[in-house]
N, C-alpha and C. Protein backbone atom coordinates (compact mmCIF):
# COMPACT_ATOMS: atom_id res chain seq x y z
N MET A 1 -27.81 28.03 15.76
CA MET A 1 -28.88 28.40 16.65
C MET A 1 -30.23 28.04 16.03
N ARG A 2 -30.36 28.29 14.77
CA ARG A 2 -31.63 28.03 14.13
C ARG A 2 -32.01 26.55 14.22
N ASP A 3 -31.07 25.67 13.88
CA ASP A 3 -31.35 24.24 13.91
C ASP A 3 -31.53 23.72 15.32
N GLU A 4 -30.75 24.24 16.25
CA GLU A 4 -30.75 23.71 17.61
C GLU A 4 -31.82 24.30 18.51
N LEU A 5 -32.30 25.44 18.22
CA LEU A 5 -33.27 26.08 19.13
C LEU A 5 -34.51 26.56 18.40
N LEU A 6 -34.33 27.39 17.41
CA LEU A 6 -35.49 28.05 16.81
C LEU A 6 -36.38 27.11 16.01
N ASN A 7 -35.80 26.14 15.32
CA ASN A 7 -36.61 25.21 14.54
C ASN A 7 -37.26 24.12 15.40
N GLU A 8 -36.76 23.93 16.60
CA GLU A 8 -37.24 22.84 17.44
C GLU A 8 -38.13 23.27 18.59
N THR A 9 -38.30 24.56 18.79
CA THR A 9 -39.02 25.05 19.95
C THR A 9 -40.19 25.92 19.53
N LEU A 10 -41.31 25.67 20.14
CA LEU A 10 -42.49 26.49 19.92
C LEU A 10 -42.62 27.46 21.09
N PHE A 11 -42.47 28.72 20.83
CA PHE A 11 -42.56 29.74 21.88
C PHE A 11 -43.97 30.30 21.91
N PHE A 12 -44.51 30.44 23.11
CA PHE A 12 -45.86 30.96 23.26
C PHE A 12 -45.89 32.43 23.61
N THR A 13 -44.77 32.94 24.15
CA THR A 13 -44.69 34.36 24.48
C THR A 13 -43.30 34.89 24.11
N VAL A 14 -43.21 36.18 23.99
CA VAL A 14 -41.91 36.81 23.73
C VAL A 14 -41.00 36.60 24.93
N ARG A 15 -41.55 36.68 26.11
CA ARG A 15 -40.76 36.47 27.32
C ARG A 15 -40.15 35.07 27.34
N GLN A 16 -40.93 34.06 26.97
CA GLN A 16 -40.43 32.69 26.91
C GLN A 16 -39.31 32.58 25.86
N ALA A 17 -39.50 33.20 24.73
CA ALA A 17 -38.49 33.16 23.68
C ALA A 17 -37.20 33.83 24.15
N CYS A 18 -37.31 34.98 24.77
CA CYS A 18 -36.12 35.68 25.27
C CYS A 18 -35.39 34.87 26.34
N SER A 19 -36.14 34.27 27.23
CA SER A 19 -35.54 33.47 28.29
C SER A 19 -34.83 32.25 27.71
N SER A 20 -35.48 31.56 26.79
CA SER A 20 -34.87 30.38 26.16
C SER A 20 -33.63 30.75 25.37
N LEU A 21 -33.72 31.84 24.65
CA LEU A 21 -32.58 32.31 23.86
C LEU A 21 -31.41 32.69 24.74
N ALA A 22 -31.67 33.36 25.84
CA ALA A 22 -30.61 33.75 26.76
C ALA A 22 -29.91 32.53 27.35
N ARG A 23 -30.68 31.51 27.73
CA ARG A 23 -30.09 30.28 28.27
C ARG A 23 -29.25 29.58 27.21
N TRP A 24 -29.76 29.53 25.97
CA TRP A 24 -29.03 28.87 24.89
C TRP A 24 -27.72 29.60 24.59
N VAL A 25 -27.77 30.92 24.52
CA VAL A 25 -26.56 31.70 24.24
C VAL A 25 -25.54 31.52 25.35
N ASP A 26 -25.99 31.52 26.59
CA ASP A 26 -25.07 31.32 27.72
C ASP A 26 -24.41 29.95 27.63
N ALA A 27 -25.19 28.92 27.37
CA ALA A 27 -24.63 27.57 27.25
C ALA A 27 -23.68 27.50 26.06
N TYR A 28 -24.06 28.09 24.95
CA TYR A 28 -23.21 28.08 23.75
C TYR A 28 -21.87 28.76 24.03
N ASN A 29 -21.90 29.86 24.74
CA ASN A 29 -20.69 30.64 24.99
C ASN A 29 -19.82 30.10 26.12
N THR A 30 -20.35 29.19 26.94
CA THR A 30 -19.57 28.70 28.08
C THR A 30 -19.35 27.19 28.07
N GLU A 31 -20.27 26.42 27.50
CA GLU A 31 -20.23 24.97 27.65
C GLU A 31 -19.86 24.19 26.40
N ARG A 32 -19.84 24.80 25.24
CA ARG A 32 -19.55 24.08 24.00
C ARG A 32 -18.06 24.13 23.68
N PRO A 33 -17.47 22.97 23.43
CA PRO A 33 -16.04 22.94 23.07
C PRO A 33 -15.78 23.72 21.79
N ARG A 34 -14.62 24.36 21.73
CA ARG A 34 -14.21 25.14 20.57
C ARG A 34 -12.90 24.58 20.02
N SER A 35 -12.85 24.37 18.72
CA SER A 35 -11.62 23.85 18.11
C SER A 35 -10.46 24.82 18.30
N LEU A 36 -10.73 26.11 18.26
CA LEU A 36 -9.70 27.11 18.44
C LEU A 36 -9.04 27.02 19.82
N LEU A 37 -9.77 26.51 20.78
CA LEU A 37 -9.27 26.40 22.16
C LEU A 37 -8.79 24.98 22.46
N GLY A 38 -8.48 24.23 21.43
CA GLY A 38 -8.04 22.85 21.62
C GLY A 38 -9.18 21.96 22.08
N TYR A 39 -10.37 22.25 21.62
CA TYR A 39 -11.59 21.53 21.95
C TYR A 39 -11.93 21.57 23.44
N ALA A 40 -11.47 22.62 24.10
CA ALA A 40 -11.89 22.88 25.47
C ALA A 40 -13.10 23.81 25.43
N THR A 41 -13.85 23.82 26.49
CA THR A 41 -14.95 24.78 26.59
C THR A 41 -14.35 26.14 26.94
N PRO A 42 -15.02 27.22 26.58
CA PRO A 42 -14.50 28.54 26.95
C PRO A 42 -14.30 28.68 28.46
N ALA A 43 -15.21 28.12 29.25
CA ALA A 43 -15.08 28.22 30.70
C ALA A 43 -13.84 27.47 31.18
N ALA A 44 -13.61 26.27 30.69
CA ALA A 44 -12.42 25.50 31.10
C ALA A 44 -11.15 26.17 30.61
N PHE A 45 -11.17 26.71 29.39
CA PHE A 45 -10.01 27.39 28.85
C PHE A 45 -9.68 28.62 29.69
N SER A 46 -10.69 29.35 30.10
CA SER A 46 -10.49 30.54 30.91
C SER A 46 -9.84 30.18 32.25
N ILE A 47 -10.30 29.12 32.87
CA ILE A 47 -9.71 28.67 34.13
C ILE A 47 -8.25 28.28 33.93
N GLU A 48 -8.00 27.50 32.88
CA GLU A 48 -6.64 27.05 32.58
C GLU A 48 -5.73 28.25 32.26
N LEU A 49 -6.23 29.19 31.50
CA LEU A 49 -5.46 30.38 31.16
C LEU A 49 -5.13 31.18 32.42
N GLY A 50 -6.11 31.34 33.29
CA GLY A 50 -5.89 32.05 34.55
C GLY A 50 -4.85 31.37 35.40
N THR A 51 -4.85 30.04 35.42
CA THR A 51 -3.86 29.29 36.18
C THR A 51 -2.47 29.55 35.64
N HIS A 52 -2.32 29.52 34.32
CA HIS A 52 -1.02 29.76 33.70
C HIS A 52 -0.57 31.20 33.91
N LEU A 53 -1.48 32.15 33.79
CA LEU A 53 -1.12 33.55 33.98
C LEU A 53 -0.69 33.82 35.42
N CYS A 54 -1.41 33.24 36.37
CA CYS A 54 -1.07 33.44 37.78
C CYS A 54 0.27 32.80 38.10
N ALA A 55 0.54 31.63 37.55
CA ALA A 55 1.82 30.96 37.78
C ALA A 55 2.96 31.79 37.20
N GLY A 56 2.77 32.34 36.02
CA GLY A 56 3.78 33.18 35.41
C GLY A 56 4.02 34.46 36.19
N HIS A 57 2.95 35.01 36.74
CA HIS A 57 3.06 36.24 37.53
C HIS A 57 3.83 35.97 38.82
N LYS A 58 3.58 34.84 39.45
CA LYS A 58 4.30 34.49 40.69
C LYS A 58 5.78 34.30 40.42
N LYS A 59 6.13 33.67 39.28
CA LYS A 59 7.54 33.47 38.94
C LYS A 59 8.22 34.80 38.68
N ALA A 60 7.54 35.72 38.03
CA ALA A 60 8.12 37.02 37.73
C ALA A 60 8.30 37.83 39.01
N ALA A 61 7.40 37.70 39.95
CA ALA A 61 7.48 38.44 41.19
C ALA A 61 8.55 37.88 42.12
N ASN A 62 8.83 36.57 41.99
CA ASN A 62 9.82 35.91 42.84
C ASN A 62 10.75 35.10 41.97
N PRO A 63 11.72 35.72 41.30
CA PRO A 63 12.55 35.01 40.34
C PRO A 63 13.42 33.91 40.94
N THR A 64 13.67 33.94 42.25
CA THR A 64 14.50 32.90 42.87
C THR A 64 13.71 31.70 43.32
N GLY A 65 12.37 31.81 43.38
CA GLY A 65 11.62 30.70 43.94
C GLY A 65 10.65 30.19 43.02
């Protein structure tokens, strides 16, 4: 965060700093690939996980189909 935001940005108000920081944290937590997730973004991993969980739930609810 320091190298990517704080060292490169001049903030004129606390409100501007808070807004910029909130946007950066949101992007970091949703848009940056993570090695732990197979280099998927958290948002993409969450969608994929939900797809697998829903498919597993449907199979368990209907074992013949």
